[in-house]
Amino acid sequence: MEPLGYIVSDRKIIGLKDFVKQVDKISDADTSKPTLIVGLDLAKSISDSFSILNKKLGDNLFWTFKKTERRTEYDRDINIFYNNIIYNNINNIKYYYINIIKLNYTSIKKLYNIVFSNDSKYIFIDNGMIYILHDDVVFGISINILQYMKINTKKIIDRLYSNPNNIICDDSTICMKSIRGEIGSNKYAVPYLMSKM
């Protein structure tokens, strides 16, 4: 699993989220991704223009106090860091809802070719929707509308599962549990986050 962000700390972070990796040194972190430095002394040693009033050290670089230095700020900043990682990733997603009823024959054929191609796709099936990540775009298709149009949705889902290149999650699988609480109602984000993790 590829982390979406890093926490640099010399002490073990309790309750670390699955999408974040803890490292001991800043050199072990990919600072092109959001990185949180834990500890006042460590933050001072990393930045030449350090200010205790500014929690942002660079484009993707932030800092907070250790739990033993200021627990309230530590707890708040860790939660803000987690939320910002998810929020920024969700904001980068191009999502389109596809209303099958409004598509013409050519568009349906094109959609069919994408959905059933042998390309590797990340797919999330949940609560009457199928979300598919294809070429950095997530599109959603309503299972209920497919059923309304008398399309056999069981056959579609079985065919998606039969493609060994597809990586599929539903609400009960382990890959969703690691990010379920973070995304809220933005379930279209799941295939995108699966591809990043």
Protein backbone atom coordinates (compact mmCIF):
# COMPACT_ATOMS: atom_id res chain seq x y z
CA MET A 1 0.00 0.00 0.00
CA GLU A 2 1.45 3.34 -1.06
CA PRO A 3 1.01 6.04 1.61
CA LEU A 4 -0.85 9.25 0.84
CA GLY A 5 1.21 11.15 3.41
CA TYR A 6 4.00 10.84 5.97
CA ILE A 7 4.47 11.59 9.66
CA VAL A 8 8.04 12.13 10.86
CA SER A 9 8.38 11.26 14.54
CA ASP A 10 10.91 9.61 16.81
CA ARG A 11 8.06 8.13 18.89
CA LYS A 12 5.44 5.64 17.73
CA ILE A 13 2.19 7.34 16.72
CA ILE A 14 -0.76 5.52 18.30
CA GLY A 15 -3.81 5.14 16.03
CA LEU A 16 -1.92 5.92 12.83
CA LYS A 17 -4.24 5.82 9.80
CA ASP A 18 -3.58 3.16 7.14
CA PHE A 19 -3.02 5.74 4.42
CA VAL A 20 -0.18 7.47 6.32
CA LYS A 21 3.32 6.11 6.93
CA GLN A 22 5.44 6.99 9.94
CA VAL A 23 9.19 7.47 9.49
CA ASP A 24 11.99 8.51 11.86
CA LYS A 25 13.80 10.93 9.53
CA ILE A 26 12.59 13.46 7.00
CA SER A 27 14.92 11.88 4.42
CA ASP A 28 12.80 8.69 4.60
CA ALA A 29 9.63 10.59 3.65
CA ASP A 30 8.45 11.48 0.15
CA THR A 31 8.00 15.21 0.76
CA SER A 32 6.13 15.63 -2.52
CA LYS A 33 3.26 14.20 -0.44
CA PRO A 34 1.87 15.88 2.70
CA THR A 35 4.37 15.41 5.53
CA LEU A 36 3.87 16.24 9.21
CA ILE A 37 6.87 16.79 11.50
CA VAL A 38 6.14 15.92 15.15
CA GLY A 39 8.13 17.79 17.76
CA LEU A 40 9.24 21.38 18.24
CA ASP A 41 12.98 20.64 18.18
CA LEU A 42 12.73 18.51 15.04
CA ALA A 43 10.67 21.18 13.26
CA LYS A 44 13.23 23.87 14.20
CA SER A 45 16.07 21.73 12.86
CA ILE A 46 14.38 21.29 9.48
CA SER A 47 13.41 24.87 8.71
CA ASP A 48 15.75 27.88 8.62
CA SER A 49 12.84 30.32 8.79
CA PHE A 50 10.98 28.49 11.58
CA SER A 51 8.18 30.35 13.39
CA ILE A 52 6.27 28.77 16.26
CA LEU A 53 3.18 30.62 15.02
CA ASN A 54 3.22 29.06 11.55
CA LYS A 55 2.46 25.32 11.34
CA LYS A 56 3.31 25.24 7.64
CA LEU A 57 7.02 24.82 6.84
CA GLY A 58 6.71 24.36 3.06
CA ASP A 59 4.33 23.36 0.26
CA ASN A 60 3.59 19.92 1.69
CA LEU A 61 5.46 20.22 4.97
CA PHE A 62 3.74 20.89 8.31
CA TRP A 63 4.66 20.53 11.97
CA THR A 64 3.03 20.00 15.34
CA PHE A 65 4.10 19.62 18.93
CA LYS A 66 4.78 16.22 20.45
CA LYS A 67 2.04 14.80 22.60
CA THR A 68 4.23 15.47 25.66
CA GLU A 69 4.79 19.11 24.64
CA ARG A 70 1.20 20.22 23.96
CA ARG A 71 -1.25 17.34 23.77
CA THR A 72 -4.30 19.39 22.74
CA GLU A 73 -2.51 20.94 19.76
CA TYR A 74 -0.96 17.58 18.84
CA ASP A 75 -4.37 15.82 18.75
CA ARG A 76 -5.97 18.66 16.79
CA ASP A 77 -3.11 18.95 14.27
CA ILE A 78 -2.92 15.19 13.62
CA ASN A 79 -6.67 15.10 12.85
CA ILE A 80 -6.39 18.19 10.64
CA PHE A 81 -3.48 16.53 8.80
CA TYR A 82 -5.50 13.33 8.14
CA ASN A 83 -8.53 15.32 6.97
CA ASN A 84 -6.43 17.51 4.67
CA ILE A 85 -4.85 14.48 2.99
CA ILE A 86 -8.28 13.00 2.19
CA TYR A 87 -9.81 16.39 1.28
CA ASN A 88 -6.96 17.26 -1.12
CA ASN A 89 -7.14 13.84 -2.79
CA ILE A 90 -10.92 14.05 -3.15
CA ASN A 91 -10.63 17.54 -4.69
CA ASN A 92 -8.28 16.16 -7.37
CA ILE A 93 -10.82 13.61 -8.57
CA LYS A 94 -12.67 14.13 -11.84
CA TYR A 95 -16.07 12.50 -11.27
CA TYR A 96 -18.92 12.12 -13.74
CA TYR A 97 -22.30 10.57 -13.10
CA ILE A 98 -23.46 8.75 -16.24
CA ASN A 99 -27.20 8.69 -16.79
CA ILE A 100 -27.66 5.66 -19.04
CA ILE A 101 -31.16 6.79 -20.06
CA LYS A 102 -29.79 9.92 -21.75
CA LEU A 103 -26.98 8.21 -23.69
CA ASN A 104 -27.21 7.63 -27.42
CA TYR A 105 -26.20 4.34 -29.03
CA THR A 106 -22.63 5.45 -29.80
CA SER A 107 -22.05 6.61 -26.21
CA ILE A 108 -23.48 3.37 -24.79
CA LYS A 109 -21.17 1.36 -27.05
CA LYS A 110 -18.17 3.44 -25.93
CA LEU A 111 -19.14 3.00 -22.26
CA TYR A 112 -19.56 -0.75 -22.79
CA ASN A 113 -16.06 -0.98 -24.30
CA ILE A 114 -14.56 0.87 -21.33
CA VAL A 115 -16.41 -1.10 -18.64
CA PHE A 116 -15.70 -4.52 -20.14
CA SER A 117 -12.20 -3.92 -21.51
CA ASN A 118 -9.37 -6.07 -20.18
CA ASP A 119 -7.59 -2.98 -18.86
CA SER A 120 -6.94 -2.81 -15.14
CA LYS A 121 -9.68 -0.82 -13.43
CA TYR A 122 -10.45 0.09 -9.82
CA ILE A 123 -14.14 -0.47 -9.10
CA PHE A 124 -16.28 0.23 -6.05
CA ILE A 125 -19.80 -1.23 -5.86
CA ASP A 126 -22.00 0.15 -3.11
CA ASN A 127 -25.57 1.06 -2.33
CA GLY A 128 -27.00 0.93 -5.84
CA MET A 129 -23.97 2.47 -7.57
CA ILE A 130 -20.96 1.24 -9.52
CA TYR A 131 -17.98 3.60 -9.43
CA ILE A 132 -15.20 2.89 -11.96
CA LEU A 133 -11.82 4.59 -12.24
CA HIS A 134 -10.66 4.76 -15.87
CA ASP A 135 -7.86 7.03 -17.16
CA ASP A 136 -7.81 9.11 -13.93
CA VAL A 137 -11.55 9.76 -14.18
CA VAL A 138 -14.17 8.18 -11.93
CA PHE A 139 -17.59 7.64 -13.39
CA GLY A 140 -20.67 6.42 -11.59
CA ILE A 141 -23.46 4.28 -12.97
CA SER A 142 -26.73 3.69 -11.11
CA ILE A 143 -27.61 0.02 -10.66
CA ASN A 144 -31.23 1.04 -10.05
CA ILE A 145 -31.47 2.78 -13.44
CA LEU A 146 -29.92 -0.26 -15.14
CA GLN A 147 -32.57 -2.44 -13.50
CA TYR A 148 -35.28 0.04 -14.52
CA MET A 149 -34.08 -0.35 -18.11
CA LYS A 150 -34.41 -4.15 -17.72
CA ILE A 151 -30.64 -4.68 -17.90
CA ASN A 152 -29.42 -7.72 -15.99
CA THR A 153 -27.20 -6.11 -13.33
CA LYS A 154 -26.13 -9.46 -11.88
CA LYS A 155 -24.56 -10.36 -15.25
CA ILE A 156 -22.77 -7.01 -15.39
CA ILE A 157 -21.37 -7.36 -11.86
CA ASP A 158 -20.38 -11.00 -12.44
CA ARG A 159 -18.57 -9.99 -15.62
CA LEU A 160 -16.72 -7.22 -13.79
CA TYR A 161 -15.60 -9.73 -11.15
CA SER A 162 -14.56 -12.25 -13.82
CA ASN A 163 -11.94 -9.86 -15.23
CA PRO A 164 -8.74 -10.70 -13.28
CA ASN A 165 -7.34 -7.23 -14.04
CA ASN A 166 -10.15 -5.48 -12.14
CA ILE A 167 -9.61 -4.56 -8.52
CA ILE A 168 -13.06 -4.49 -6.95
CA CYS A 169 -14.25 -3.43 -3.51
CA ASP A 170 -17.60 -3.33 -1.86
CA ASP A 171 -18.51 -1.93 1.55
CA SER A 172 -17.66 -5.15 3.37
CA THR A 173 -14.15 -5.67 1.97
CA ILE A 174 -10.99 -4.78 3.81
CA CYS A 175 -9.78 -2.11 1.36
CA MET A 176 -12.80 0.06 2.14
CA LYS A 177 -12.47 -0.21 5.91
CA SER A 178 -9.17 1.67 5.96
CA ILE A 179 -10.71 4.80 4.38
CA ARG A 180 -14.46 4.50 5.06
CA GLY A 181 -14.55 6.98 7.94
CA GLU A 182 -12.47 9.55 6.12
CA ILE A 183 -14.41 10.00 2.90
CA GLY A 184 -17.89 10.55 4.33
CA SER A 185 -20.51 10.66 1.59
CA ASN A 186 -17.92 11.04 -1.21
CA LYS A 187 -18.02 7.36 -2.13
CA TYR A 188 -16.97 8.10 -5.70
CA ALA A 189 -13.52 8.77 -4.19
CA VAL A 190 -13.00 5.12 -3.20
CA PRO A 191 -11.68 3.82 -6.58
CA TYR A 192 -9.33 6.79 -6.87
CA LEU A 193 -8.00 6.31 -3.33
CA MET A 194 -7.68 2.56 -3.97
CA SER A 195 -5.44 3.32 -6.94
CA LYS A 196 -3.27 5.60 -4.81
CA MET A 197 -2.98 3.14 -1.96
